[in-house]
């Protein structure tokens, strides 16, 4: 008994989906929707990851810099807190 080939199984699955896609229109719409939502969620995930990494990098930079920049960060946080109370 031979070991199953993953690439062969994947190709057969993709060919079956493509065959059904050509035959049934609603399967075509479902696959297009899946692709669009996958891309949209990927973009949102990458944007969130970029925001978190930028925040982390700014905190690291502020913690390693001198007291003047720490004072500026504290002042900007106070200004944001005062603006949030309005």
PDB file of N, CA and C in Angstrom:
ATOM      1  N   UNK A   1       0.844  -1.172   0.000  1.00  0.00           N
ATOM      2  CA  UNK A   1       0.000   0.000   0.000  1.00  0.00           C
ATOM      3  C   UNK A   1       0.897   1.245   0.000  1.00  0.00           C
ATOM      4  N   UNK A   2       0.649   2.153  -0.937  1.00  0.00           N
ATOM      5  CA  UNK A   2       1.500   3.331  -1.029  1.00  0.00           C
ATOM      6  C   UNK A   2       0.958   4.469  -0.169  1.00  0.00           C
ATOM      7  N   UNK A   3       1.857   5.338   0.193  1.00  0.00           N
ATOM      8  CA  UNK A   3       1.492   6.490   1.009  1.00  0.00           C
ATOM      9  C   UNK A   3       0.719   7.504   0.167  1.00  0.00           C
ATOM     10  N   UNK A   4      -0.340   8.133   0.718  1.00  0.00           N
ATOM     11  CA  UNK A   4      -1.095   9.103  -0.079  1.00  0.00           C
ATOM     12  C   UNK A   4      -0.254  10.355  -0.354  1.00  0.00           C
ATOM     13  N   UNK A   5      -0.371  10.829  -1.554  1.00  0.00           N
ATOM     14  CA  UNK A   5       0.363  12.019  -1.968  1.00  0.00           C
ATOM     15  C   UNK A   5      -0.525  13.244  -1.722  1.00  0.00           C
ATOM     16  N   UNK A   6      -0.056  14.156  -0.904  1.00  0.00           N
ATOM     17  CA  UNK A   6      -0.856  15.319  -0.527  1.00  0.00           C
ATOM     18  C   UNK A   6      -1.099  16.221  -1.733  1.00  0.00           C
ATOM     19  N   UNK A   7      -0.092  16.404  -2.548  1.00  0.00           N
ATOM     20  CA  UNK A   7      -0.239  17.275  -3.728  1.00  0.00           C
ATOM     21  C   UNK A   7      -1.258  16.686  -4.693  1.00  0.00           C
ATOM     22  N   UNK A   8      -1.220  15.398  -4.867  1.00  0.00           N
ATOM     23  CA  UNK A   8      -2.170  14.749  -5.770  1.00  0.00           C
ATOM     24  C   UNK A   8      -3.598  14.912  -5.248  1.00  0.00           C
ATOM     25  N   UNK A   9      -3.776  14.718  -3.965  1.00  0.00           N
ATOM     26  CA  UNK A   9      -5.101  14.882  -3.366  1.00  0.00           C
ATOM     27  C   UNK A   9      -5.599  16.319  -3.465  1.00  0.00           C
ATOM     28  N   UNK A  10      -4.699  17.271  -3.284  1.00  0.00           N
ATOM     29  CA  UNK A  10      -5.072  18.683  -3.404  1.00  0.00           C
ATOM     30  C   UNK A  10      -5.473  19.017  -4.824  1.00  0.00           C
ATOM     31  N   UNK A  11      -4.723  18.516  -5.793  1.00  0.00           N
ATOM     32  CA  UNK A  11      -5.037  18.783  -7.199  1.00  0.00           C
ATOM     33  C   UNK A  11      -6.385  18.178  -7.582  1.00  0.00           C
ATOM     34  N   UNK A  12      -6.657  16.982  -7.086  1.00  0.00           N
ATOM     35  CA  UNK A  12      -7.947  16.343  -7.379  1.00  0.00           C
ATOM     36  C   UNK A  12      -9.085  17.154  -6.757  1.00  0.00           C
ATOM     37  N   UNK A  13      -8.889  17.630  -5.535  1.00  0.00           N
ATOM     38  CA  UNK A  13      -9.922  18.440  -4.872  1.00  0.00           C
ATOM     39  C   UNK A  13     -10.163  19.741  -5.623  1.00  0.00           C
ATOM     40  N   UNK A  14      -9.104  20.409  -6.030  1.00  0.00           N
ATOM     41  CA  UNK A  14      -9.242  21.666  -6.775  1.00  0.00           C
ATOM     42  C   UNK A  14      -9.920  21.420  -8.115  1.00  0.00           C
ATOM     43  N   UNK A  15      -9.571  20.331  -8.777  1.00  0.00           N
ATOM     44  CA  UNK A  15     -10.206  20.009 -10.061  1.00  0.00           C
ATOM     45  C   UNK A  15     -11.694  19.710  -9.878  1.00  0.00           C
ATOM     46  N   UNK A  16     -12.045  19.020  -8.803  1.00  0.00           N
ATOM     47  CA  UNK A  16     -13.459  18.728  -8.542  1.00  0.00           C
ATOM     48  C   UNK A  16     -14.237  20.008  -8.259  1.00  0.00           C
ATOM     49  N   UNK A  17     -13.641  20.909  -7.479  1.00  0.00           N
ATOM     50  CA  UNK A  17     -14.306  22.188  -7.189  1.00  0.00           C
ATOM     51  C   UNK A  17     -14.449  23.012  -8.462  1.00  0.00           C
ATOM     52  N   UNK A  18     -13.410  23.033  -9.286  1.00  0.00           N
ATOM     53  CA  UNK A  18     -13.486  23.782 -10.544  1.00  0.00           C
ATOM     54  C   UNK A  18     -14.535  23.178 -11.475  1.00  0.00           C
ATOM     55  N   UNK A  19     -14.636  21.862 -11.498  1.00  0.00           N
ATOM     56  CA  UNK A  19     -15.651  21.217 -12.327  1.00  0.00           C
ATOM     57  C   UNK A  19     -17.050  21.540 -11.855  1.00  0.00           C
ATOM     58  N   UNK A  20     -17.250  21.500 -10.546  1.00  0.00           N
ATOM     59  CA  UNK A  20     -18.563  21.864 -10.009  1.00  0.00           C
ATOM     60  C   UNK A  20     -18.837  23.350 -10.205  1.00  0.00           C
ATOM     61  N   UNK A  21     -17.781  24.150 -10.148  1.00  0.00           N
ATOM     62  CA  UNK A  21     -17.926  25.588 -10.345  1.00  0.00           C
ATOM     63  C   UNK A  21     -18.435  25.894 -11.745  1.00  0.00           C
ATOM     64  N   UNK A  22     -17.963  25.175 -12.714  1.00  0.00           N
ATOM     65  CA  UNK A  22     -18.416  25.403 -14.083  1.00  0.00           C
ATOM     66  C   UNK A  22     -19.844  24.894 -14.300  1.00  0.00           C
ATOM     67  N   UNK A  23     -20.241  23.919 -13.507  1.00  0.00           N
ATOM     68  CA  UNK A  23     -21.541  23.299 -13.712  1.00  0.00           C
ATOM     69  C   UNK A  23     -22.644  23.996 -12.922  1.00  0.00           C
ATOM     70  N   UNK A  24     -22.335  24.415 -11.690  1.00  0.00           N
ATOM     71  CA  UNK A  24     -23.338  25.042 -10.835  1.00  0.00           C
ATOM     72  C   UNK A  24     -22.966  26.499 -10.594  1.00  0.00           C
ATOM     73  N   UNK A  25     -23.875  27.400 -10.921  1.00  0.00           N
ATOM     74  CA  UNK A  25     -23.590  28.827 -10.792  1.00  0.00           C
ATOM     75  C   UNK A  25     -23.503  29.249  -9.333  1.00  0.00           C
ATOM     76  N   UNK A  26     -24.321  28.696  -8.457  1.00  0.00           N
ATOM     77  CA  UNK A  26     -24.300  29.123  -7.055  1.00  0.00           C
ATOM     78  C   UNK A  26     -22.993  28.727  -6.377  1.00  0.00           C
ATOM     79  N   UNK A  27     -22.355  27.653  -6.820  1.00  0.00           N
ATOM     80  CA  UNK A  27     -21.047  27.286  -6.282  1.00  0.00           C
ATOM     81  C   UNK A  27     -20.010  28.315  -6.713  1.00  0.00           C
ATOM     82  N   UNK A  28     -20.153  28.807  -7.932  1.00  0.00           N
ATOM     83  CA  UNK A  28     -19.265  29.862  -8.410  1.00  0.00           C
ATOM     84  C   UNK A  28     -19.402  31.101  -7.523  1.00  0.00           C
ATOM     85  N   UNK A  29     -20.623  31.493  -7.199  1.00  0.00           N
ATOM     86  CA  UNK A  29     -20.838  32.662  -6.347  1.00  0.00           C
ATOM     87  C   UNK A  29     -20.285  32.433  -4.938  1.00  0.00           C
ATOM     88  N   UNK A  30     -20.457  31.233  -4.410  1.00  0.00           N
ATOM     89  CA  UNK A  30     -19.929  30.941  -3.077  1.00  0.00           C
ATOM     90  C   UNK A  30     -18.400  31.004  -3.061  1.00  0.00           C
ATOM     91  N   UNK A  31     -17.757  30.504  -4.095  1.00  0.00           N
ATOM     92  CA  UNK A  31     -16.296  30.540  -4.149  1.00  0.00           C
ATOM     93  C   UNK A  31     -15.777  31.966  -4.298  1.00  0.00           C
ATOM     94  N   UNK A  32     -16.458  32.769  -5.097  1.00  0.00           N
ATOM     95  CA  UNK A  32     -16.053  34.163  -5.252  1.00  0.00           C
ATOM     96  C   UNK A  32     -16.233  34.909  -3.933  1.00  0.00           C
ATOM     97  N   UNK A  33     -17.345  34.668  -3.245  1.00  0.00           N
ATOM     98  CA  UNK A  33     -17.576  35.310  -1.941  1.00  0.00           C
ATOM     99  C   UNK A  33     -16.521  34.876  -0.930  1.00  0.00           C
ATOM    100  N   UNK A  34     -16.188  33.603  -0.925  1.00  0.00           N
ATOM    101  CA  UNK A  34     -15.155  33.106  -0.022  1.00  0.00           C
ATOM    102  C   UNK A  34     -13.827  33.800  -0.296  1.00  0.00           C
ATOM    103  N   UNK A  35     -13.478  33.926  -1.563  1.00  0.00           N
ATOM    104  CA  UNK A  35     -12.214  34.576  -1.910  1.00  0.00           C
ATOM    105  C   UNK A  35     -12.215  36.041  -1.494  1.00  0.00           C
ATOM    106  N   UNK A  36     -13.305  36.750  -1.753  1.00  0.00           N
ATOM    107  CA  UNK A  36     -13.366  38.171  -1.405  1.00  0.00           C
ATOM    108  C   UNK A  36     -13.315  38.383   0.105  1.00  0.00           C
ATOM    109  N   UNK A  37     -14.082  37.608   0.860  1.00  0.00           N
ATOM    110  CA  UNK A  37     -14.058  37.760   2.311  1.00  0.00           C
ATOM    111  C   UNK A  37     -12.711  37.346   2.893  1.00  0.00           C
ATOM    112  N   UNK A  38     -12.081  36.341   2.315  1.00  0.00           N
ATOM    113  CA  UNK A  38     -10.756  35.940   2.791  1.00  0.00           C
ATOM    114  C   UNK A  38      -9.754  37.062   2.596  1.00  0.00           C
ATOM    115  N   UNK A  39      -9.783  37.688   1.439  1.00  0.00           N
ATOM    116  CA  UNK A  39      -8.874  38.805   1.166  1.00  0.00           C
ATOM    117  C   UNK A  39      -9.188  39.984   2.085  1.00  0.00           C
ATOM    118  N   UNK A  40     -10.463  40.279   2.283  1.00  0.00           N
ATOM    119  CA  UNK A  40     -10.843  41.399   3.149  1.00  0.00           C
ATOM    120  C   UNK A  40     -10.374  41.166   4.588  1.00  0.00           C
ATOM    121  N   UNK A  41     -10.595  39.970   5.111  1.00  0.00           N
ATOM    122  CA  UNK A  41     -10.159  39.690   6.474  1.00  0.00           C
ATOM    123  C   UNK A  41      -8.640  39.651   6.584  1.00  0.00           C
ATOM    124  N   UNK A  42      -7.956  39.218   5.535  1.00  0.00           N
ATOM    125  CA  UNK A  42      -6.500  39.247   5.546  1.00  0.00           C
ATOM    126  C   UNK A  42      -5.995  40.684   5.623  1.00  0.00           C
ATOM    127  N   UNK A  43      -6.604  41.569   4.851  1.00  0.00           N
ATOM    128  CA  UNK A  43      -6.192  42.981   4.873  1.00  0.00           C
ATOM    129  C   UNK A  43      -6.469  43.592   6.244  1.00  0.00           C
ATOM    130  N   UNK A  44      -7.641  43.317   6.818  1.00  0.00           N
ATOM    131  CA  UNK A  44      -7.944  43.838   8.151  1.00  0.00           C
ATOM    132  C   UNK A  44      -6.982  43.296   9.207  1.00  0.00           C
ATOM    133  N   UNK A  45      -6.642  42.031   9.105  1.00  0.00           N
ATOM    134  CA  UNK A  45      -5.708  41.434  10.056  1.00  0.00           C
ATOM    135  C   UNK A  45      -4.327  42.062   9.932  1.00  0.00           C
ATOM    136  N   UNK A  46      -3.868  42.267   8.701  1.00  0.00           N
ATOM    137  CA  UNK A  46      -2.563  42.890   8.505  1.00  0.00           C
ATOM    138  C   UNK A  46      -2.552  44.334   8.985  1.00  0.00           C
ATOM    139  N   UNK A  47      -3.659  45.056   8.806  1.00  0.00           N
ATOM    140  CA  UNK A  47      -3.742  46.433   9.287  1.00  0.00           C
ATOM    141  C   UNK A  47      -3.688  46.467  10.817  1.00  0.00           C
ATOM    142  N   UNK A  48      -4.408  45.564  11.470  1.00  0.00           N
ATOM    143  CA  UNK A  48      -4.378  45.499  12.938  1.00  0.00           C
ATOM    144  C   UNK A  48      -2.985  45.121  13.439  1.00  0.00           C
ATOM    145  N   UNK A  49      -2.351  44.178  12.775  1.00  0.00           N
ATOM    146  CA  UNK A  49      -1.000  43.780  13.156  1.00  0.00           C
ATOM    147  C   UNK A  49      -0.021  44.939  12.986  1.00  0.00           C
ATOM    148  N   UNK A  50      -0.157  45.682  11.898  1.00  0.00           N
ATOM    149  CA  UNK A  50       0.714  46.834  11.667  1.00  0.00           C
ATOM    150  C   UNK A  50       0.497  47.891  12.750  1.00  0.00           C
ATOM    151  N   UNK A  51      -0.752  48.130  13.151  1.00  0.00           N
ATOM    152  CA  UNK A  51      -1.029  49.110  14.201  1.00  0.00           C
ATOM    153  C   UNK A  51      -0.405  48.681  15.526  1.00  0.00           C
ATOM    154  N   UNK A  52      -0.527  47.410  15.865  1.00  0.00           N
ATOM    155  CA  UNK A  52       0.054  46.909  17.121  1.00  0.00           C
ATOM    156  C   UNK A  52       1.574  46.999  17.072  1.00  0.00           C
ATOM    157  N   UNK A  53       2.174  46.655  15.943  1.00  0.00           N
ATOM    158  CA  UNK A  53       3.635  46.728  15.838  1.00  0.00           C
ATOM    159  C   UNK A  53       4.125  48.168  15.895  1.00  0.00           C
ATOM    160  N   UNK A  54       3.405  49.095  15.281  1.00  0.00           N
ATOM    161  CA  UNK A  54       3.788  50.508  15.364  1.00  0.00           C
ATOM    162  C   UNK A  54       3.671  51.023  16.794  1.00  0.00           C
ATOM    163  N   UNK A  55       2.607  50.637  17.485  1.00  0.00           N
ATOM    164  CA  UNK A  55       2.460  51.041  18.882  1.00  0.00           C
ATOM    165  C   UNK A  55       3.594  50.484  19.723  1.00  0.00           C
ATOM    166  N   UNK A  56       3.931  49.207  19.532  1.00  0.00           N
ATOM    167  CA  UNK A  56       5.000  48.577  20.303  1.00  0.00           C
ATOM    168  C   UNK A  56       6.335  49.259  20.011  1.00  0.00           C
ATOM    169  N   UNK A  57       6.596  49.547  18.735  1.00  0.00           N
ATOM    170  CA  UNK A  57       7.858  50.196  18.368  1.00  0.00           C
ATOM    171  C   UNK A  57       7.948  51.598  18.960  1.00  0.00           C
ATOM    172  N   UNK A  58       6.837  52.322  18.978  1.00  0.00           N
ATOM    173  CA  UNK A  58       6.871  53.667  19.558  1.00  0.00           C
ATOM    174  C   UNK A  58       7.107  53.608  21.065  1.00  0.00           C
ATOM    175  N   UNK A  59       6.523  52.626  21.738  1.00  0.00           N
ATOM    176  CA  UNK A  59       6.760  52.468  23.175  1.00  0.00           C
ATOM    177  C   UNK A  59       8.220  52.104  23.445  1.00  0.00           C
ATOM    178  N   UNK A  60       8.781  51.238  22.618  1.00  0.00           N
ATOM    179  CA  UNK A  60      10.192  50.879  22.788  1.00  0.00           C
ATOM    180  C   UNK A  60      11.097  52.075  22.562  1.00  0.00           C
ATOM    181  N   UNK A  61      10.794  52.848  21.549  1.00  0.00           N
ATOM    182  CA  UNK A  61      11.594  54.036  21.242  1.00  0.00           C
ATOM    183  C   UNK A  61      11.488  55.055  22.370  1.00  0.00           C
ATOM    184  N   UNK A  62      10.282  55.235  22.899  1.00  0.00           N
ATOM    185  CA  UNK A  62      10.098  56.192  23.990  1.00  0.00           C
ATOM    186  C   UNK A  62      10.797  55.734  25.265  1.00  0.00           C
ATOM    187  N   UNK A  63      10.789  54.458  25.539  1.00  0.00           N
ATOM    188  CA  UNK A  63      11.422  53.966  26.761  1.00  0.00           C
ATOM    189  C   UNK A  63      12.950  54.042  26.674  1.00  0.00           C
ATOM    190  N   UNK A  64      13.507  54.014  25.469  1.00  0.00           N
ATOM    191  CA  UNK A  64      14.963  54.062  25.307  1.00  0.00           C
ATOM    192  C   UNK A  64      15.486  55.476  25.083  1.00  0.00           C
ATOM    193  N   UNK A  65      14.598  56.409  24.872  1.00  0.00           N
ATOM    194  CA  UNK A  65      15.045  57.776  24.608  1.00  0.00           C
ATOM    195  C   UNK A  65      15.151  58.560  25.910  1.00  0.00           C
ATOM    196  N   UNK A  66      15.571  59.766  25.776  1.00  0.00           N
ATOM    197  CA  UNK A  66      15.830  60.599  26.956  1.00  0.00           C
ATOM    198  C   UNK A  66      14.565  61.104  27.632  1.00  0.00           C
ATOM    199  N   UNK A  67      14.748  61.842  28.743  1.00  0.00           N
ATOM    200  CA  UNK A  67      13.600  62.311  29.509  1.00  0.00           C
ATOM    201  C   UNK A  67      12.741  63.337  28.768  1.00  0.00           C
ATOM    202  N   UNK A  68      13.322  64.064  27.808  1.00  0.00           N
ATOM    203  CA  UNK A  68      12.537  65.071  27.093  1.00  0.00           C
ATOM    204  C   UNK A  68      11.413  64.421  26.294  1.00  0.00           C
ATOM    205  N   UNK A  69      11.712  63.322  25.630  1.00  0.00           N
ATOM    206  CA  UNK A  69      10.659  62.670  24.858  1.00  0.00           C
ATOM    207  C   UNK A  69       9.644  61.995  25.787  1.00  0.00           C
ATOM    208  N   UNK A  70      10.095  61.488  26.934  1.00  0.00           N
ATOM    209  CA  UNK A  70       9.149  60.920  27.895  1.00  0.00           C
ATOM    210  C   UNK A  70       8.215  62.005  28.418  1.00  0.00           C
ATOM    211  N   UNK A  71       8.758  63.209  28.638  1.00  0.00           N
ATOM    212  CA  UNK A  71       7.920  64.320  29.091  1.00  0.00           C
ATOM    213  C   UNK A  71       6.903  64.662  28.015  1.00  0.00           C
ATOM    214  N   UNK A  72       7.327  64.643  26.752  1.00  0.00           N
ATOM    215  CA  UNK A  72       6.421  64.964  25.651  1.00  0.00           C
ATOM    216  C   UNK A  72       5.316  63.916  25.527  1.00  0.00           C
ATOM    217  N   UNK A  73       5.663  62.647  25.714  1.00  0.00           N
ATOM    218  CA  UNK A  73       4.653  61.586  25.652  1.00  0.00           C
ATOM    219  C   UNK A  73       3.656  61.737  26.801  1.00  0.00           C
ATOM    220  N   UNK A  74       4.151  62.044  27.995  1.00  0.00           N
ATOM    221  CA  UNK A  74       3.252  62.248  29.141  1.00  0.00           C
ATOM    222  C   UNK A  74       2.344  63.455  28.901  1.00  0.00           C
ATOM    223  N   UNK A  75       2.884  64.513  28.314  1.00  0.00           N
ATOM    224  CA  UNK A  75       2.074  65.697  28.029  1.00  0.00           C
ATOM    225  C   UNK A  75       1.006  65.393  26.988  1.00  0.00           C
ATOM    226  N   UNK A  76       1.366  64.630  25.971  1.00  0.00           N
ATOM    227  CA  UNK A  76       0.378  64.302  24.943  1.00  0.00           C
ATOM    228  C   UNK A  76      -0.704  63.380  25.505  1.00  0.00           C
ATOM    229  N   UNK A  77      -0.336  62.481  26.411  1.00  0.00           N
ATOM    230  CA  UNK A  77      -1.342  61.622  27.043  1.00  0.00           C
ATOM    231  C   UNK A  77      -2.287  62.436  27.915  1.00  0.00           C
ATOM    232  N   UNK A  78      -1.740  63.449  28.643  1.00  0.00           N
ATOM    233  CA  UNK A  78      -2.603  64.322  29.440  1.00  0.00           C
ATOM    234  C   UNK A  78      -3.549  65.112  28.548  1.00  0.00           C
ATOM    235  N   UNK A  79      -3.039  65.588  27.410  1.00  0.00           N
ATOM    236  CA  UNK A  79      -3.882  66.346  26.479  1.00  0.00           C
ATOM    237  C   UNK A  79      -4.999  65.466  25.903  1.00  0.00           C
ATOM    238  N   UNK A  80      -4.654  64.204  25.572  1.00  0.00           N
ATOM    239  CA  UNK A  80      -5.680  63.291  25.052  1.00  0.00           C
ATOM    240  C   UNK A  80      -6.723  62.973  26.118  1.00  0.00           C
ATOM    241  N   UNK A  81      -6.290  62.825  27.369  1.00  0.00           N
ATOM    242  CA  UNK A  81      -7.240  62.546  28.453  1.00  0.00           C
ATOM    243  C   UNK A  81      -8.147  63.744  28.689  1.00  0.00           C
ATOM    244  N   UNK A  82      -7.576  64.956  28.612  1.00  0.00           N
ATOM    245  CA  UNK A  82      -8.395  66.151  28.781  1.00  0.00           C
ATOM    246  C   UNK A  82      -9.399  66.296  27.628  1.00  0.00           C
ATOM    247  N   UNK A  83      -8.967  65.975  26.434  1.00  0.00           N
ATOM    248  CA  UNK A  83      -9.869  66.040  25.276  1.00  0.00           C
ATOM    249  C   UNK A  83     -10.973  64.991  25.384  1.00  0.00           C
ATOM    250  N   UNK A  84     -10.653  63.836  25.953  1.00  0.00           N
ATOM    251  CA  UNK A  84     -11.654  62.763  26.082  1.00  0.00           C
ATOM    252  C   UNK A  84     -12.715  63.125  27.106  1.00  0.00           C
ATOM    253  N   UNK A  85     -12.375  63.958  28.087  1.00  0.00           N
ATOM    254  CA  UNK A  85     -13.351  64.364  29.104  1.00  0.00           C
ATOM    255  C   UNK A  85     -14.368  65.358  28.558  1.00  0.00           C
ATOM    256  N   UNK A  86     -14.072  66.016  27.442  1.00  0.00           N
ATOM    257  CA  UNK A  86     -15.000  67.028  26.880  1.00  0.00           C
ATOM    258  C   UNK A  86     -16.264  66.436  26.359  1.00  0.00           C
TER     259      UNK A  86
END
